[in-house]
Amino acid sequence: MADNGGGGGGAAGVVAVLVIFVIIVGVVLFVFGGQWFGGGQTKKVDVNIKAPVPTKSP
């Protein structure tokens, strides 16, 4: 008979390492993202649009 114990241990380890790597990359991008990707350079744009006033028809 086949031994079914411990068959997925290697795959689980690889997935765990990948999940930890993605978390670390996400934290680094969240903390330093503004400095590395130009997030510190903000521009303020002031847009004033006046809607036309409808005229009353007779």
N, C-alpha and C. Protein backbone atom coordinates (compact mmCIF):
# COMPACT_ATOMS: atom_id res chain seq x y z
N MET A 1 0.83 -1.18 0.00
CA MET A 1 0.00 0.00 0.00
C MET A 1 0.87 1.24 0.00
N ALA A 2 0.29 2.33 -0.53
CA ALA A 2 1.04 3.57 -0.63
C ALA A 2 1.01 4.33 0.68
N ASP A 3 2.10 5.04 0.95
CA ASP A 3 2.18 5.87 2.14
C ASP A 3 1.72 7.28 1.77
N ASN A 4 0.66 7.76 2.40
CA ASN A 4 0.10 9.07 2.05
C ASN A 4 0.53 10.17 3.00
N GLY A 5 1.51 9.96 3.80
CA GLY A 5 1.90 10.96 4.79
C GLY A 5 2.95 11.93 4.26
N GLY A 6 2.73 13.22 4.44
CA GLY A 6 3.72 14.24 4.13
C GLY A 6 3.91 14.52 2.66
N GLY A 7 2.92 14.28 1.84
CA GLY A 7 3.08 14.50 0.41
C GLY A 7 3.09 15.94 -0.02
N GLY A 8 2.37 16.83 0.69
CA GLY A 8 2.26 18.22 0.27
C GLY A 8 3.13 19.17 1.04
N GLY A 9 4.07 18.68 1.80
CA GLY A 9 4.91 19.54 2.63
C GLY A 9 5.78 20.48 1.83
N GLY A 10 6.34 19.99 0.75
CA GLY A 10 7.20 20.84 -0.07
C GLY A 10 6.44 21.96 -0.74
N ALA A 11 5.26 21.65 -1.27
CA ALA A 11 4.43 22.66 -1.93
C ALA A 11 3.96 23.71 -0.92
N ALA A 12 3.60 23.27 0.27
CA ALA A 12 3.15 24.20 1.31
C ALA A 12 4.28 25.14 1.72
N GLY A 13 5.49 24.63 1.77
CA GLY A 13 6.63 25.48 2.11
C GLY A 13 6.90 26.54 1.06
N VAL A 14 6.78 26.14 -0.21
CA VAL A 14 6.99 27.10 -1.30
C VAL A 14 5.92 28.17 -1.26
N VAL A 15 4.68 27.79 -1.04
CA VAL A 15 3.58 28.76 -0.97
C VAL A 15 3.79 29.70 0.20
N ALA A 16 4.22 29.18 1.34
CA ALA A 16 4.45 30.02 2.51
C ALA A 16 5.56 31.04 2.25
N VAL A 17 6.63 30.63 1.59
CA VAL A 17 7.72 31.56 1.27
C VAL A 17 7.23 32.63 0.30
N LEU A 18 6.43 32.24 -0.68
CA LEU A 18 5.91 33.23 -1.64
C LEU A 18 4.97 34.22 -0.96
N VAL A 19 4.14 33.75 -0.06
CA VAL A 19 3.23 34.65 0.66
C VAL A 19 4.01 35.64 1.51
N ILE A 20 5.02 35.16 2.21
CA ILE A 20 5.85 36.06 3.03
C ILE A 20 6.57 37.07 2.15
N PHE A 21 7.07 36.65 1.00
CA PHE A 21 7.75 37.56 0.08
C PHE A 21 6.81 38.64 -0.42
N VAL A 22 5.58 38.28 -0.78
CA VAL A 22 4.60 39.26 -1.27
C VAL A 22 4.24 40.24 -0.17
N ILE A 23 4.11 39.77 1.06
CA ILE A 23 3.81 40.67 2.18
C ILE A 23 4.95 41.66 2.40
N ILE A 24 6.18 41.18 2.35
CA ILE A 24 7.33 42.08 2.56
C ILE A 24 7.40 43.12 1.45
N VAL A 25 7.22 42.70 0.20
CA VAL A 25 7.25 43.65 -0.92
C VAL A 25 6.12 44.66 -0.78
N GLY A 26 4.95 44.23 -0.37
CA GLY A 26 3.83 45.14 -0.19
C GLY A 26 4.09 46.18 0.89
N VAL A 27 4.68 45.74 2.00
CA VAL A 27 4.99 46.69 3.09
C VAL A 27 6.04 47.69 2.63
N VAL A 28 7.05 47.22 1.93
CA VAL A 28 8.11 48.13 1.45
C VAL A 28 7.53 49.15 0.48
N LEU A 29 6.68 48.71 -0.44
CA LEU A 29 6.08 49.65 -1.38
C LEU A 29 5.14 50.61 -0.69
N PHE A 30 4.44 50.16 0.34
CA PHE A 30 3.54 51.05 1.07
C PHE A 30 4.31 52.10 1.84
N VAL A 31 5.41 51.71 2.47
CA VAL A 31 6.17 52.64 3.30
C VAL A 31 7.00 53.59 2.44
N PHE A 32 7.68 53.06 1.43
CA PHE A 32 8.60 53.87 0.64
C PHE A 32 8.05 54.23 -0.73
N GLY A 33 6.84 53.85 -1.05
CA GLY A 33 6.29 54.04 -2.39
C GLY A 33 6.24 55.49 -2.81
N GLY A 34 5.91 56.38 -1.89
CA GLY A 34 5.82 57.79 -2.24
C GLY A 34 7.16 58.38 -2.63
N GLN A 35 8.22 57.88 -2.05
CA GLN A 35 9.54 58.43 -2.34
C GLN A 35 10.12 57.82 -3.61
N TRP A 36 9.84 56.55 -3.86
CA TRP A 36 10.44 55.87 -5.00
C TRP A 36 9.69 56.13 -6.30
N PHE A 37 8.39 56.34 -6.23
CA PHE A 37 7.61 56.43 -7.45
C PHE A 37 7.06 57.83 -7.69
N GLY A 38 7.67 58.84 -7.10
CA GLY A 38 7.26 60.21 -7.36
C GLY A 38 6.00 60.63 -6.65
N GLY A 39 5.62 59.92 -5.62
CA GLY A 39 4.41 60.27 -4.89
C GLY A 39 4.56 61.55 -4.09
N GLY A 40 5.77 61.97 -3.81
CA GLY A 40 5.98 63.20 -3.06
C GLY A 40 5.77 64.46 -3.88
N GLN A 41 5.71 64.33 -5.18
CA GLN A 41 5.53 65.48 -6.06
C GLN A 41 4.05 65.64 -6.36
N THR A 42 3.37 66.41 -5.51
CA THR A 42 1.94 66.60 -5.71
C THR A 42 1.68 67.95 -6.34
N LYS A 43 0.68 68.00 -7.15
CA LYS A 43 0.26 69.25 -7.78
C LYS A 43 -1.17 69.52 -7.37
N LYS A 44 -1.45 70.78 -7.06
CA LYS A 44 -2.82 71.16 -6.73
C LYS A 44 -3.43 71.84 -7.94
N VAL A 45 -4.57 71.37 -8.33
CA VAL A 45 -5.27 71.94 -9.46
C VAL A 45 -6.60 72.47 -8.96
N ASP A 46 -6.87 73.73 -9.21
CA ASP A 46 -8.12 74.36 -8.80
C ASP A 46 -8.97 74.60 -10.04
N VAL A 47 -10.07 73.91 -10.12
CA VAL A 47 -10.93 74.03 -11.29
C VAL A 47 -12.27 74.60 -10.84
N ASN A 48 -12.61 75.75 -11.38
CA ASN A 48 -13.91 76.36 -11.09
C ASN A 48 -14.72 76.37 -12.36
N ILE A 49 -15.83 75.66 -12.34
CA ILE A 49 -16.70 75.60 -13.50
C ILE A 49 -18.06 76.12 -13.08
N LYS A 50 -18.55 77.13 -13.79
CA LYS A 50 -19.86 77.70 -13.48
C LYS A 50 -20.85 77.19 -14.51
N ALA A 51 -21.89 76.59 -14.01
CA ALA A 51 -22.93 76.08 -14.90
C ALA A 51 -23.80 77.23 -15.38
N PRO A 52 -24.24 77.18 -16.62
CA PRO A 52 -25.10 78.25 -17.12
C PRO A 52 -26.46 78.22 -16.41
N VAL A 53 -26.99 79.40 -16.18
CA VAL A 53 -28.29 79.51 -15.51
C VAL A 53 -29.37 79.33 -16.56
N PRO A 54 -30.31 78.43 -16.34
CA PRO A 54 -31.37 78.25 -17.34
C PRO A 54 -32.31 79.46 -17.36
N THR A 55 -32.72 79.81 -18.55
CA THR A 55 -33.65 80.95 -18.70
C THR A 55 -35.07 80.44 -18.69
N LYS A 56 -35.96 81.31 -18.18
CA LYS A 56 -37.36 80.92 -18.13
C LYS A 56 -38.00 81.18 -19.48
N SER A 57 -38.76 80.21 -19.96
CA SER A 57 -39.44 80.44 -21.24
C SER A 57 -40.85 80.98 -20.95
N PRO A 58 -41.35 81.84 -21.85
CA PRO A 58 -42.65 82.50 -21.61
C PRO A 58 -43.82 81.57 -21.66
